[in-house]
Amino acid sequence: MHELSIAMSILDIVKDYAEKENATEVTEIEIELGSLSGVVSESLVFALEMACKNTISEKAEIKIIEIKAEAKCKHCNQIFELENYFAPCPECKNSGYEVLRGKELQVKSLKIEQ
């Protein structure tokens, strides 16, 4: 379950920011998660909830913003929603494309109490 190591890395980011801002509590953690990131959102939320126990983030609401993958075909320049890495362009049926979004995995925002 690689989501646990990801959750621990997220908590390191949260902890560093909270300490820098002299926070007494983290009330919300908002994460952007791309559909091609390879991370299962439910597993990440579960891992974060477990990792937050007995920390400044223990009561934090965890919000996941799911980002759908989008690609641009290198043959016809069509921009389309990408279901997976093996899907061809729906317009010209070629498979050469550039992924524009969908690989994200980042802390978008935090809400803290001071």
PDB file of N, CA and C in Angstrom:
ATOM      1  N   MET A   1       0.855  -1.182   0.000  1.00  0.00           N
ATOM      2  CA  MET A   1       0.000   0.000   0.000  1.00  0.00           C
ATOM      3  C   MET A   1       0.898   1.241   0.000  1.00  0.00           C
ATOM      4  N   HIS A   2       1.224   1.732  -1.194  1.00  0.00           N
ATOM      5  CA  HIS A   2       2.094   2.897  -1.276  1.00  0.00           C
ATOM      6  C   HIS A   2       1.394   4.178  -0.838  1.00  0.00           C
ATOM      7  N   GLU A   3       0.068   4.130  -0.690  1.00  0.00           N
ATOM      8  CA  GLU A   3      -0.665   5.304  -0.231  1.00  0.00           C
ATOM      9  C   GLU A   3      -0.232   5.721   1.178  1.00  0.00           C
ATOM     10  N   LEU A   4       0.205   4.754   2.005  1.00  0.00           N
ATOM     11  CA  LEU A   4       0.652   5.100   3.355  1.00  0.00           C
ATOM     12  C   LEU A   4       1.921   5.950   3.304  1.00  0.00           C
ATOM     13  N   SER A   5       2.871   5.592   2.458  1.00  0.00           N
ATOM     14  CA  SER A   5       4.090   6.407   2.368  1.00  0.00           C
ATOM     15  C   SER A   5       3.776   7.779   1.777  1.00  0.00           C
ATOM     16  N   ILE A   6       2.830   7.843   0.861  1.00  0.00           N
ATOM     17  CA  ILE A   6       2.393   9.136   0.311  1.00  0.00           C
ATOM     18  C   ILE A   6       1.730   9.964   1.410  1.00  0.00           C
ATOM     19  N   ALA A   7       0.885   9.325   2.213  1.00  0.00           N
ATOM     20  CA  ALA A   7       0.221  10.021   3.320  1.00  0.00           C
ATOM     21  C   ALA A   7       1.246  10.584   4.300  1.00  0.00           C
ATOM     22  N   MET A   8       2.280   9.817   4.582  1.00  0.00           N
ATOM     23  CA  MET A   8       3.317  10.288   5.508  1.00  0.00           C
ATOM     24  C   MET A   8       4.062  11.493   4.919  1.00  0.00           C
ATOM     25  N   SER A   9       4.311  11.479   3.630  1.00  0.00           N
ATOM     26  CA  SER A   9       4.960  12.620   2.977  1.00  0.00           C
ATOM     27  C   SER A   9       4.058  13.856   3.010  1.00  0.00           C
ATOM     28  N   ILE A  10       2.777  13.646   2.786  1.00  0.00           N
ATOM     29  CA  ILE A  10       1.817  14.756   2.866  1.00  0.00           C
ATOM     30  C   ILE A  10       1.812  15.330   4.272  1.00  0.00           C
ATOM     31  N   LEU A  11       1.814  14.466   5.273  1.00  0.00           N
ATOM     32  CA  LEU A  11       1.818  14.956   6.660  1.00  0.00           C
ATOM     33  C   LEU A  11       3.092  15.714   6.992  1.00  0.00           C
ATOM     34  N   ASP A  12       4.216  15.341   6.410  1.00  0.00           N
ATOM     35  CA  ASP A  12       5.452  16.108   6.601  1.00  0.00           C
ATOM     36  C   ASP A  12       5.284  17.525   6.060  1.00  0.00           C
ATOM     37  N   ILE A  13       4.672  17.652   4.888  1.00  0.00           N
ATOM     38  CA  ILE A  13       4.411  18.976   4.294  1.00  0.00           C
ATOM     39  C   ILE A  13       3.486  19.777   5.200  1.00  0.00           C
ATOM     40  N   VAL A  14       2.418  19.136   5.658  1.00  0.00           N
ATOM     41  CA  VAL A  14       1.442  19.796   6.527  1.00  0.00           C
ATOM     42  C   VAL A  14       2.105  20.249   7.828  1.00  0.00           C
ATOM     43  N   LYS A  15       2.881  19.371   8.425  1.00  0.00           N
ATOM     44  CA  LYS A  15       3.554  19.681   9.688  1.00  0.00           C
ATOM     45  C   LYS A  15       4.508  20.860   9.531  1.00  0.00           C
ATOM     46  N   ASP A  16       5.307  20.854   8.466  1.00  0.00           N
ATOM     47  CA  ASP A  16       6.253  21.947   8.221  1.00  0.00           C
ATOM     48  C   ASP A  16       5.532  23.281   8.085  1.00  0.00           C
ATOM     49  N   TYR A  17       4.444  23.279   7.323  1.00  0.00           N
ATOM     50  CA  TYR A  17       3.689  24.518   7.124  1.00  0.00           C
ATOM     51  C   TYR A  17       3.048  24.966   8.435  1.00  0.00           C
ATOM     52  N   ALA A  18       2.449  24.030   9.158  1.00  0.00           N
ATOM     53  CA  ALA A  18       1.779  24.359  10.421  1.00  0.00           C
ATOM     54  C   ALA A  18       2.766  24.946  11.425  1.00  0.00           C
ATOM     55  N   GLU A  19       3.956  24.366  11.501  1.00  0.00           N
ATOM     56  CA  GLU A  19       4.981  24.890  12.415  1.00  0.00           C
ATOM     57  C   GLU A  19       5.417  26.287  12.004  1.00  0.00           C
ATOM     58  N   LYS A  20       5.587  26.493  10.699  1.00  0.00           N
ATOM     59  CA  LYS A  20       6.006  27.798  10.190  1.00  0.00           C
ATOM     60  C   LYS A  20       4.972  28.884  10.517  1.00  0.00           C
ATOM     61  N   GLU A  21       3.698  28.501  10.512  1.00  0.00           N
ATOM     62  CA  GLU A  21       2.615  29.454  10.764  1.00  0.00           C
ATOM     63  C   GLU A  21       2.161  29.470  12.221  1.00  0.00           C
ATOM     64  N   ASN A  22       2.872  28.753  13.096  1.00  0.00           N
ATOM     65  CA  ASN A  22       2.520  28.658  14.523  1.00  0.00           C
ATOM     66  C   ASN A  22       1.078  28.198  14.736  1.00  0.00           C
ATOM     67  N   ALA A  23       0.656  27.219  13.957  1.00  0.00           N
ATOM     68  CA  ALA A  23      -0.714  26.698  14.049  1.00  0.00           C
ATOM     69  C   ALA A  23      -0.881  25.835  15.292  1.00  0.00           C
ATOM     70  N   THR A  24      -2.076  25.881  15.846  1.00  0.00           N
ATOM     71  CA  THR A  24      -2.403  25.000  16.966  1.00  0.00           C
ATOM     72  C   THR A  24      -3.169  23.765  16.488  1.00  0.00           C
ATOM     73  N   GLU A  25      -3.769  23.899  15.293  1.00  0.00           N
ATOM     74  CA  GLU A  25      -4.554  22.793  14.748  1.00  0.00           C
ATOM     75  C   GLU A  25      -4.687  22.953  13.237  1.00  0.00           C
ATOM     76  N   VAL A  26      -4.666  21.834  12.527  1.00  0.00           N
ATOM     77  CA  VAL A  26      -4.963  21.815  11.101  1.00  0.00           C
ATOM     78  C   VAL A  26      -6.398  21.309  10.983  1.00  0.00           C
ATOM     79  N   THR A  27      -7.269  22.107  10.356  1.00  0.00           N
ATOM     80  CA  THR A  27      -8.686  21.739  10.278  1.00  0.00           C
ATOM     81  C   THR A  27      -9.094  21.168   8.925  1.00  0.00           C
ATOM     82  N   GLU A  28      -8.267  21.407   7.904  1.00  0.00           N
ATOM     83  CA  GLU A  28      -8.596  20.875   6.580  1.00  0.00           C
ATOM     84  C   GLU A  28      -7.332  20.690   5.764  1.00  0.00           C
ATOM     85  N   ILE A  29      -7.276  19.573   5.047  1.00  0.00           N
ATOM     86  CA  ILE A  29      -6.200  19.287   4.105  1.00  0.00           C
ATOM     87  C   ILE A  29      -6.867  19.006   2.759  1.00  0.00           C
ATOM     88  N   GLU A  30      -6.535  19.825   1.766  1.00  0.00           N
ATOM     89  CA  GLU A  30      -7.125  19.667   0.441  1.00  0.00           C
ATOM     90  C   GLU A  30      -6.037  19.200  -0.526  1.00  0.00           C
ATOM     91  N   ILE A  31      -6.317  18.109  -1.221  1.00  0.00           N
ATOM     92  CA  ILE A  31      -5.323  17.473  -2.086  1.00  0.00           C
ATOM     93  C   ILE A  31      -5.877  17.350  -3.505  1.00  0.00           C
ATOM     94  N   GLU A  32      -5.050  17.710  -4.490  1.00  0.00           N
ATOM     95  CA  GLU A  32      -5.394  17.471  -5.886  1.00  0.00           C
ATOM     96  C   GLU A  32      -4.810  16.125  -6.287  1.00  0.00           C
ATOM     97  N   LEU A  33      -5.656  15.291  -6.885  1.00  0.00           N
ATOM     98  CA  LEU A  33      -5.249  13.935  -7.233  1.00  0.00           C
ATOM     99  C   LEU A  33      -5.689  13.626  -8.664  1.00  0.00           C
ATOM    100  N   GLY A  34      -4.719  13.446  -9.546  1.00  0.00           N
ATOM    101  CA  GLY A  34      -5.014  13.152 -10.943  1.00  0.00           C
ATOM    102  C   GLY A  34      -5.408  11.699 -11.151  1.00  0.00           C
ATOM    103  N   SER A  35      -6.276  11.491 -12.129  1.00  0.00           N
ATOM    104  CA  SER A  35      -6.764  10.127 -12.400  1.00  0.00           C
ATOM    105  C   SER A  35      -5.664   9.199 -12.916  1.00  0.00           C
ATOM    106  N   LEU A  36      -4.552   9.753 -13.390  1.00  0.00           N
ATOM    107  CA  LEU A  36      -3.436   8.934 -13.854  1.00  0.00           C
ATOM    108  C   LEU A  36      -2.292   8.863 -12.846  1.00  0.00           C
ATOM    109  N   SER A  37      -2.518   9.347 -11.634  1.00  0.00           N
ATOM    110  CA  SER A  37      -1.456   9.401 -10.620  1.00  0.00           C
ATOM    111  C   SER A  37      -1.073   8.025 -10.087  1.00  0.00           C
ATOM    112  N   GLY A  38      -1.940   7.051 -10.256  1.00  0.00           N
ATOM    113  CA  GLY A  38      -1.662   5.717  -9.724  1.00  0.00           C
ATOM    114  C   GLY A  38      -2.016   5.584  -8.254  1.00  0.00           C
ATOM    115  N   VAL A  39      -2.702   6.583  -7.704  1.00  0.00           N
ATOM    116  CA  VAL A  39      -3.087   6.579  -6.295  1.00  0.00           C
ATOM    117  C   VAL A  39      -4.600   6.407  -6.195  1.00  0.00           C
ATOM    118  N   VAL A  40      -5.038   5.499  -5.335  1.00  0.00           N
ATOM    119  CA  VAL A  40      -6.460   5.263  -5.101  1.00  0.00           C
ATOM    120  C   VAL A  40      -6.919   6.240  -4.030  1.00  0.00           C
ATOM    121  N   SER A  41      -7.857   7.122  -4.378  1.00  0.00           N
ATOM    122  CA  SER A  41      -8.254   8.200  -3.461  1.00  0.00           C
ATOM    123  C   SER A  41      -8.789   7.670  -2.130  1.00  0.00           C
ATOM    124  N   GLU A  42      -9.590   6.618  -2.155  1.00  0.00           N
ATOM    125  CA  GLU A  42     -10.135   6.070  -0.908  1.00  0.00           C
ATOM    126  C   GLU A  42      -9.022   5.534  -0.013  1.00  0.00           C
ATOM    127  N   SER A  43      -8.039   4.894  -0.616  1.00  0.00           N
ATOM    128  CA  SER A  43      -6.908   4.369   0.150  1.00  0.00           C
ATOM    129  C   SER A  43      -6.066   5.497   0.721  1.00  0.00           C
ATOM    130  N   LEU A  44      -5.897   6.561  -0.048  1.00  0.00           N
ATOM    131  CA  LEU A  44      -5.130   7.705   0.440  1.00  0.00           C
ATOM    132  C   LEU A  44      -5.832   8.370   1.614  1.00  0.00           C
ATOM    133  N   VAL A  45      -7.133   8.555   1.517  1.00  0.00           N
ATOM    134  CA  VAL A  45      -7.898   9.152   2.628  1.00  0.00           C
ATOM    135  C   VAL A  45      -7.778   8.282   3.870  1.00  0.00           C
ATOM    136  N   PHE A  46      -7.929   6.983   3.713  1.00  0.00           N
ATOM    137  CA  PHE A  46      -7.806   6.063   4.849  1.00  0.00           C
ATOM    138  C   PHE A  46      -6.418   6.160   5.472  1.00  0.00           C
ATOM    139  N   ALA A  47      -5.381   6.148   4.630  1.00  0.00           N
ATOM    140  CA  ALA A  47      -4.007   6.233   5.134  1.00  0.00           C
ATOM    141  C   ALA A  47      -3.758   7.560   5.839  1.00  0.00           C
ATOM    142  N   LEU A  48      -4.293   8.650   5.285  1.00  0.00           N
ATOM    143  CA  LEU A  48      -4.133   9.957   5.926  1.00  0.00           C
ATOM    144  C   LEU A  48      -4.843  10.005   7.281  1.00  0.00           C
ATOM    145  N   GLU A  49      -6.037   9.446   7.338  1.00  0.00           N
ATOM    146  CA  GLU A  49      -6.766   9.426   8.612  1.00  0.00           C
ATOM    147  C   GLU A  49      -5.982   8.654   9.675  1.00  0.00           C
ATOM    148  N   MET A  50      -5.370   7.557   9.288  1.00  0.00           N
ATOM    149  CA  MET A  50      -4.572   6.769  10.232  1.00  0.00           C
ATOM    150  C   MET A  50      -3.292   7.521  10.624  1.00  0.00           C
ATOM    151  N   ALA A  51      -2.645   8.129   9.639  1.00  0.00           N
ATOM    152  CA  ALA A  51      -1.391   8.830   9.894  1.00  0.00           C
ATOM    153  C   ALA A  51      -1.593  10.104  10.724  1.00  0.00           C
ATOM    154  N   CYS A  52      -2.768  10.681  10.672  1.00  0.00           N
ATOM    155  CA  CYS A  52      -3.057  11.927  11.402  1.00  0.00           C
ATOM    156  C   CYS A  52      -3.318  11.705  12.889  1.00  0.00           C
ATOM    157  N   LYS A  53      -3.539  10.474  13.288  1.00  0.00           N
ATOM    158  CA  LYS A  53      -3.822  10.178  14.701  1.00  0.00           C
ATOM    159  C   LYS A  53      -2.717  10.743  15.584  1.00  0.00           C
ATOM    160  N   ASN A  54      -3.127  11.390  16.678  1.00  0.00           N
ATOM    161  CA  ASN A  54      -2.205  11.964  17.667  1.00  0.00           C
ATOM    162  C   ASN A  54      -1.254  13.009  17.084  1.00  0.00           C
ATOM    163  N   THR A  55      -1.721  13.741  16.070  1.00  0.00           N
ATOM    164  CA  THR A  55      -0.933  14.836  15.504  1.00  0.00           C
ATOM    165  C   THR A  55      -1.776  16.103  15.518  1.00  0.00           C
ATOM    166  N   ILE A  56      -1.176  17.200  15.116  1.00  0.00           N
ATOM    167  CA  ILE A  56      -1.872  18.476  15.006  1.00  0.00           C
ATOM    168  C   ILE A  56      -2.993  18.416  13.956  1.00  0.00           C
ATOM    169  N   SER A  57      -2.941  17.414  13.095  1.00  0.00           N
ATOM    170  CA  SER A  57      -3.921  17.242  12.009  1.00  0.00           C
ATOM    171  C   SER A  57      -5.001  16.209  12.326  1.00  0.00           C
ATOM    172  N   GLU A  58      -5.047  15.752  13.557  1.00  0.00           N
ATOM    173  CA  GLU A  58      -5.934  14.646  13.918  1.00  0.00           C
ATOM    174  C   GLU A  58      -7.403  14.891  13.540  1.00  0.00           C
ATOM    175  N   LYS A  59      -7.877  16.114  13.677  1.00  0.00           N
ATOM    176  CA  LYS A  59      -9.290  16.417  13.395  1.00  0.00           C
ATOM    177  C   LYS A  59      -9.495  17.031  12.015  1.00  0.00           C
ATOM    178  N   ALA A  60      -8.462  17.030  11.199  1.00  0.00           N
ATOM    179  CA  ALA A  60      -8.549  17.668   9.880  1.00  0.00           C
ATOM    180  C   ALA A  60      -9.511  16.934   8.957  1.00  0.00           C
ATOM    181  N   GLU A  61     -10.307  17.713   8.255  1.00  0.00           N
ATOM    182  CA  GLU A  61     -11.148  17.158   7.192  1.00  0.00           C
ATOM    183  C   GLU A  61     -10.267  16.997   5.965  1.00  0.00           C
ATOM    184  N   ILE A  62     -10.308  15.837   5.367  1.00  0.00           N
ATOM    185  CA  ILE A  62      -9.473  15.564   4.195  1.00  0.00           C
ATOM    186  C   ILE A  62     -10.356  15.650   2.956  1.00  0.00           C
ATOM    187  N   LYS A  63      -9.997  16.566   2.064  1.00  0.00           N
ATOM    188  CA  LYS A  63     -10.755  16.759   0.827  1.00  0.00           C
ATOM    189  C   LYS A  63      -9.867  16.387  -0.353  1.00  0.00           C
ATOM    190  N   ILE A  64     -10.407  15.553  -1.223  1.00  0.00           N
ATOM    191  CA  ILE A  64      -9.697  15.145  -2.429  1.00  0.00           C
ATOM    192  C   ILE A  64     -10.388  15.793  -3.631  1.00  0.00           C
ATOM    193  N   ILE A  65      -9.623  16.532  -4.411  1.00  0.00           N
ATOM    194  CA  ILE A  65     -10.124  17.100  -5.657  1.00  0.00           C
ATOM    195  C   ILE A  65      -9.581  16.214  -6.765  1.00  0.00           C
ATOM    196  N   GLU A  66     -10.472  15.493  -7.411  1.00  0.00           N
ATOM    197  CA  GLU A  66     -10.044  14.572  -8.457  1.00  0.00           C
ATOM    198  C   GLU A  66      -9.924  15.311  -9.787  1.00  0.00           C
ATOM    199  N   ILE A  67      -8.767  15.177 -10.413  1.00  0.00           N
ATOM    200  CA  ILE A  67      -8.477  15.829 -11.686  1.00  0.00           C
ATOM    201  C   ILE A  67      -8.542  14.773 -12.788  1.00  0.00           C
ATOM    202  N   LYS A  68      -9.463  14.958 -13.725  1.00  0.00           N
ATOM    203  CA  LYS A  68      -9.569  14.023 -14.843  1.00  0.00           C
ATOM    204  C   LYS A  68      -8.421  14.269 -15.822  1.00  0.00           C
ATOM    205  N   ALA A  69      -7.918  13.189 -16.360  1.00  0.00           N
ATOM    206  CA  ALA A  69      -6.801  13.269 -17.296  1.00  0.00           C
ATOM    207  C   ALA A  69      -7.255  13.870 -18.619  1.00  0.00           C
ATOM    208  N   GLU A  70      -6.369  14.680 -19.175  1.00  0.00           N
ATOM    209  CA  GLU A  70      -6.636  15.320 -20.447  1.00  0.00           C
ATOM    210  C   GLU A  70      -5.360  15.236 -21.292  1.00  0.00           C
ATOM    211  N   ALA A  71      -5.526  15.009 -22.577  1.00  0.00           N
ATOM    212  CA  ALA A  71      -4.377  14.870 -23.464  1.00  0.00           C
ATOM    213  C   ALA A  71      -4.614  15.640 -24.765  1.00  0.00           C
ATOM    214  N   LYS A  72      -3.503  15.911 -25.455  1.00  0.00           N
ATOM    215  CA  LYS A  72      -3.562  16.562 -26.763  1.00  0.00           C
ATOM    216  C   LYS A  72      -2.893  15.644 -27.772  1.00  0.00           C
ATOM    217  N   CYS A  73      -3.646  15.289 -28.798  1.00  0.00           N
ATOM    218  CA  CYS A  73      -3.139  14.389 -29.837  1.00  0.00           C
ATOM    219  C   CYS A  73      -2.020  15.080 -30.624  1.00  0.00           C
ATOM    220  N   LYS A  74      -0.920  14.352 -30.826  1.00  0.00           N
ATOM    221  CA  LYS A  74       0.212  14.893 -31.588  1.00  0.00           C
ATOM    222  C   LYS A  74      -0.037  14.850 -33.101  1.00  0.00           C
ATOM    223  N   HIS A  75      -1.087  14.158 -33.510  1.00  0.00           N
ATOM    224  CA  HIS A  75      -1.377  14.014 -34.945  1.00  0.00           C
ATOM    225  C   HIS A  75      -2.413  15.025 -35.429  1.00  0.00           C
ATOM    226  N   CYS A  76      -3.508  15.174 -34.669  1.00  0.00           N
ATOM    227  CA  CYS A  76      -4.597  16.057 -35.122  1.00  0.00           C
ATOM    228  C   CYS A  76      -4.849  17.237 -34.175  1.00  0.00           C
ATOM    229  N   ASN A  77      -4.078  17.327 -33.090  1.00  0.00           N
ATOM    230  CA  ASN A  77      -4.192  18.409 -32.090  1.00  0.00           C
ATOM    231  C   ASN A  77      -5.499  18.419 -31.307  1.00  0.00           C
ATOM    232  N   GLN A  78      -6.260  17.351 -31.390  1.00  0.00           N
ATOM    233  CA  GLN A  78      -7.508  17.234 -30.625  1.00  0.00           C
ATOM    234  C   GLN A  78      -7.169  17.135 -29.128  1.00  0.00           C
ATOM    235  N   ILE A  79      -7.866  17.896 -28.300  1.00  0.00           N
ATOM    236  CA  ILE A  79      -7.738  17.765 -26.840  1.00  0.00           C
ATOM    237  C   ILE A  79      -8.902  16.897 -26.379  1.00  0.00           C
ATOM    238  N   PHE A  80      -8.574  15.877 -25.593  1.00  0.00           N
ATOM    239  CA  PHE A  80      -9.607  14.926 -25.185  1.00  0.00           C
ATOM    240  C   PHE A  80      -9.353  14.396 -23.785  1.00  0.00           C
ATOM    241  N   GLU A  81     -10.431  13.892 -23.158  1.00  0.00           N
ATOM    242  CA  GLU A  81     -10.309  13.261 -21.846  1.00  0.00           C
ATOM    243  C   GLU A  81      -9.667  11.895 -22.038  1.00  0.00           C
ATOM    244  N   LEU A  82      -8.654  11.630 -21.226  1.00  0.00           N
ATOM    245  CA  LEU A  82      -7.887  10.397 -21.356  1.00  0.00           C
ATOM    246  C   LEU A  82      -8.308   9.428 -20.263  1.00  0.00           C
ATOM    247  N   GLU A  83      -8.854   8.294 -20.665  1.00  0.00           N
ATOM    248  CA  GLU A  83      -9.322   7.286 -19.704  1.00  0.00           C
ATOM    249  C   GLU A  83      -8.163   6.523 -19.077  1.00  0.00           C
ATOM    250  N   ASN A  84      -7.151   6.208 -19.894  1.00  0.00           N
ATOM    251  CA  ASN A  84      -5.953   5.505 -19.426  1.00  0.00           C
ATOM    252  C   ASN A  84      -4.834   5.760 -20.426  1.00  0.00           C
ATOM    253  N   TYR A  85      -3.637   5.327 -20.090  1.00  0.00           N
ATOM    254  CA  TYR A  85      -2.477   5.594 -20.935  1.00  0.00           C
ATOM    255  C   TYR A  85      -2.527   4.891 -22.295  1.00  0.00           C
ATOM    256  N   PHE A  86      -3.400   3.935 -22.467  1.00  0.00           N
ATOM    257  CA  PHE A  86      -3.442   3.156 -23.702  1.00  0.00           C
ATOM    258  C   PHE A  86      -4.562   3.587 -24.645  1.00  0.00           C
ATOM    259  N   ALA A  87      -5.373   4.554 -24.246  1.00  0.00           N
ATOM    260  CA  ALA A  87      -6.507   4.990 -25.063  1.00  0.00           C
ATOM    261  C   ALA A  87      -6.020   5.812 -26.259  1.00  0.00           C
ATOM    262  N   PRO A  88      -6.535   5.516 -27.458  1.00  0.00           N
ATOM    263  CA  PRO A  88      -6.163   6.313 -28.623  1.00  0.00           C
ATOM    264  C   PRO A  88      -6.974   7.612 -28.671  1.00  0.00           C
ATOM    265  N   CYS A  89      -6.559   8.512 -29.524  1.00  0.00           N
ATOM    266  CA  CYS A  89      -7.310   9.752 -29.739  1.00  0.00           C
ATOM    267  C   CYS A  89      -8.695   9.387 -30.284  1.00  0.00           C
ATOM    268  N   PRO A  90      -9.751   9.936 -29.718  1.00  0.00           N
ATOM    269  CA  PRO A  90     -11.093   9.603 -30.209  1.00  0.00           C
ATOM    270  C   PRO A  90     -11.385  10.191 -31.599  1.00  0.00           C
ATOM    271  N   GLU A  91     -10.603  11.181 -32.007  1.00  0.00           N
ATOM    272  CA  GLU A  91     -10.830  11.832 -33.302  1.00  0.00           C
ATOM    273  C   GLU A  91     -10.151  11.073 -34.446  1.00  0.00           C
ATOM    274  N   CYS A  92      -8.819  10.855 -34.326  1.00  0.00           N
ATOM    275  CA  CYS A  92      -8.073  10.243 -35.438  1.00  0.00           C
ATOM    276  C   CYS A  92      -7.622   8.807 -35.148  1.00  0.00           C
ATOM    277  N   LYS A  93      -7.860   8.338 -33.930  1.00  0.00           N
ATOM    278  CA  LYS A  93      -7.553   6.966 -33.509  1.00  0.00           C
ATOM    279  C   LYS A  93      -6.060   6.663 -33.384  1.00  0.00           C
ATOM    280  N   ASN A  94      -5.204   7.680 -33.454  1.00  0.00           N
ATOM    281  CA  ASN A  94      -3.773   7.483 -33.245  1.00  0.00           C
ATOM    282  C   ASN A  94      -3.477   7.474 -31.747  1.00  0.00           C
ATOM    283  N   SER A  95      -2.311   6.933 -31.384  1.00  0.00           N
ATOM    284  CA  SER A  95      -1.988   6.817 -29.969  1.00  0.00           C
ATOM    285  C   SER A  95      -0.906   7.780 -29.490  1.00  0.00           C
ATOM    286  N   GLY A  96      -0.386   8.631 -30.358  1.00  0.00           N
ATOM    287  CA  GLY A  96       0.618   9.594 -29.923  1.00  0.00           C
ATOM    288  C   GLY A  96      -0.042  10.840 -29.358  1.00  0.00           C
ATOM    289  N   TYR A  97       0.191  11.109 -28.087  1.00  0.00           N
ATOM    290  CA  TYR A  97      -0.413  12.291 -27.460  1.00  0.00           C
ATOM    291  C   TYR A  97       0.462  12.786 -26.322  1.00  0.00           C
ATOM    292  N   GLU A  98       0.191  14.004 -25.910  1.00  0.00           N
ATOM    293  CA  GLU A  98       0.857  14.626 -24.768  1.00  0.00           C
ATOM    294  C   GLU A  98      -0.169  14.741 -23.639  1.00  0.00           C
ATOM    295  N   VAL A  99       0.183  14.238 -22.466  1.00  0.00           N
ATOM    296  CA  VAL A  99      -0.716  14.352 -21.315  1.00  0.00           C
ATOM    297  C   VAL A  99      -0.640  15.786 -20.794  1.00  0.00           C
ATOM    298  N   LEU A 100      -1.776  16.461 -20.747  1.00  0.00           N
ATOM    299  CA  LEU A 100      -1.835  17.848 -20.288  1.00  0.00           C
ATOM    300  C   LEU A 100      -2.098  17.946 -18.788  1.00  0.00           C
ATOM    301  N   ARG A 101      -2.897  17.033 -18.285  1.00  0.00           N
ATOM    302  CA  ARG A 101      -3.217  17.004 -16.856  1.00  0.00           C
ATOM    303  C   ARG A 101      -3.729  15.628 -16.482  1.00  0.00           C
ATOM    304  N   GLY A 102      -3.682  15.351 -15.170  1.00  0.00           N
ATOM    305  CA  GLY A 102      -4.167  14.061 -14.693  1.00  0.00           C
ATOM    306  C   GLY A 102      -3.135  13.281 -13.910  1.00  0.00           C
ATOM    307  N   LYS A 103      -1.882  13.784 -13.866  1.00  0.00           N
ATOM    308  CA  LYS A 103      -0.841  13.094 -13.096  1.00  0.00           C
ATOM    309  C   LYS A 103      -0.597  13.780 -11.743  1.00  0.00           C
ATOM    310  N   GLU A 104      -1.394  14.786 -11.429  1.00  0.00           N
ATOM    311  CA  GLU A 104      -1.182  15.575 -10.214  1.00  0.00           C
ATOM    312  C   GLU A 104      -1.321  14.756  -8.938  1.00  0.00           C
ATOM    313  N   LEU A 105      -0.509  15.125  -7.975  1.00  0.00           N
ATOM    314  CA  LEU A 105      -0.634  14.647  -6.597  1.00  0.00           C
ATOM    315  C   LEU A 105       0.038  15.712  -5.746  1.00  0.00           C
ATOM    316  N   GLN A 106      -0.784  16.632  -5.225  1.00  0.00           N
ATOM    317  CA  GLN A 106      -0.212  17.743  -4.474  1.00  0.00           C
ATOM    318  C   GLN A 106      -1.174  18.266  -3.419  1.00  0.00           C
ATOM    319  N   VAL A 107      -0.588  18.828  -2.377  1.00  0.00           N
ATOM    320  CA  VAL A 107      -1.389  19.509  -1.361  1.00  0.00           C
ATOM    321  C   VAL A 107      -1.768  20.851  -1.956  1.00  0.00           C
ATOM    322  N   LYS A 108      -3.068  21.062  -2.144  1.00  0.00           N
ATOM    323  CA  LYS A 108      -3.534  22.305  -2.740  1.00  0.00           C
ATOM    324  C   LYS A 108      -3.672  23.401  -1.691  1.00  0.00           C
ATOM    325  N   SER A 109      -4.257  23.056  -0.540  1.00  0.00           N
ATOM    326  CA  SER A 109      -4.443  24.061   0.499  1.00  0.00           C
ATOM    327  C   SER A 109      -4.606  23.405   1.861  1.00  0.00           C
ATOM    328  N   LEU A 110      -4.391  24.220   2.867  1.00  0.00           N
ATOM    329  CA  LEU A 110      -4.584  23.809   4.272  1.00  0.00           C
ATOM    330  C   LEU A 110      -5.370  24.889   4.978  1.00  0.00           C
ATOM    331  N   LYS A 111      -6.174  24.478   5.928  1.00  0.00           N
ATOM    332  CA  LYS A 111      -6.821  25.432   6.830  1.00  0.00           C
ATOM    333  C   LYS A 111      -6.276  25.123   8.223  1.00  0.00           C
ATOM    334  N   ILE A 112      -5.873  26.184   8.905  1.00  0.00           N
ATOM    335  CA  ILE A 112      -5.281  26.011  10.226  1.00  0.00           C
ATOM    336  C   ILE A 112      -5.939  26.937  11.228  1.00  0.00           C
ATOM    337  N   GLU A 113      -5.755  26.612  12.501  1.00  0.00           N
ATOM    338  CA  GLU A 113      -6.138  27.479  13.617  1.00  0.00           C
ATOM    339  C   GLU A 113      -4.850  27.947  14.258  1.00  0.00           C
ATOM    340  N   GLN A 114      -4.830  29.214  14.666  1.00  0.00           N
ATOM    341  CA  GLN A 114      -3.632  29.746  15.329  1.00  0.00           C
ATOM    342  C   GLN A 114      -3.928  30.093  16.761  1.00  0.00           C
TER     343      GLN A 114
END
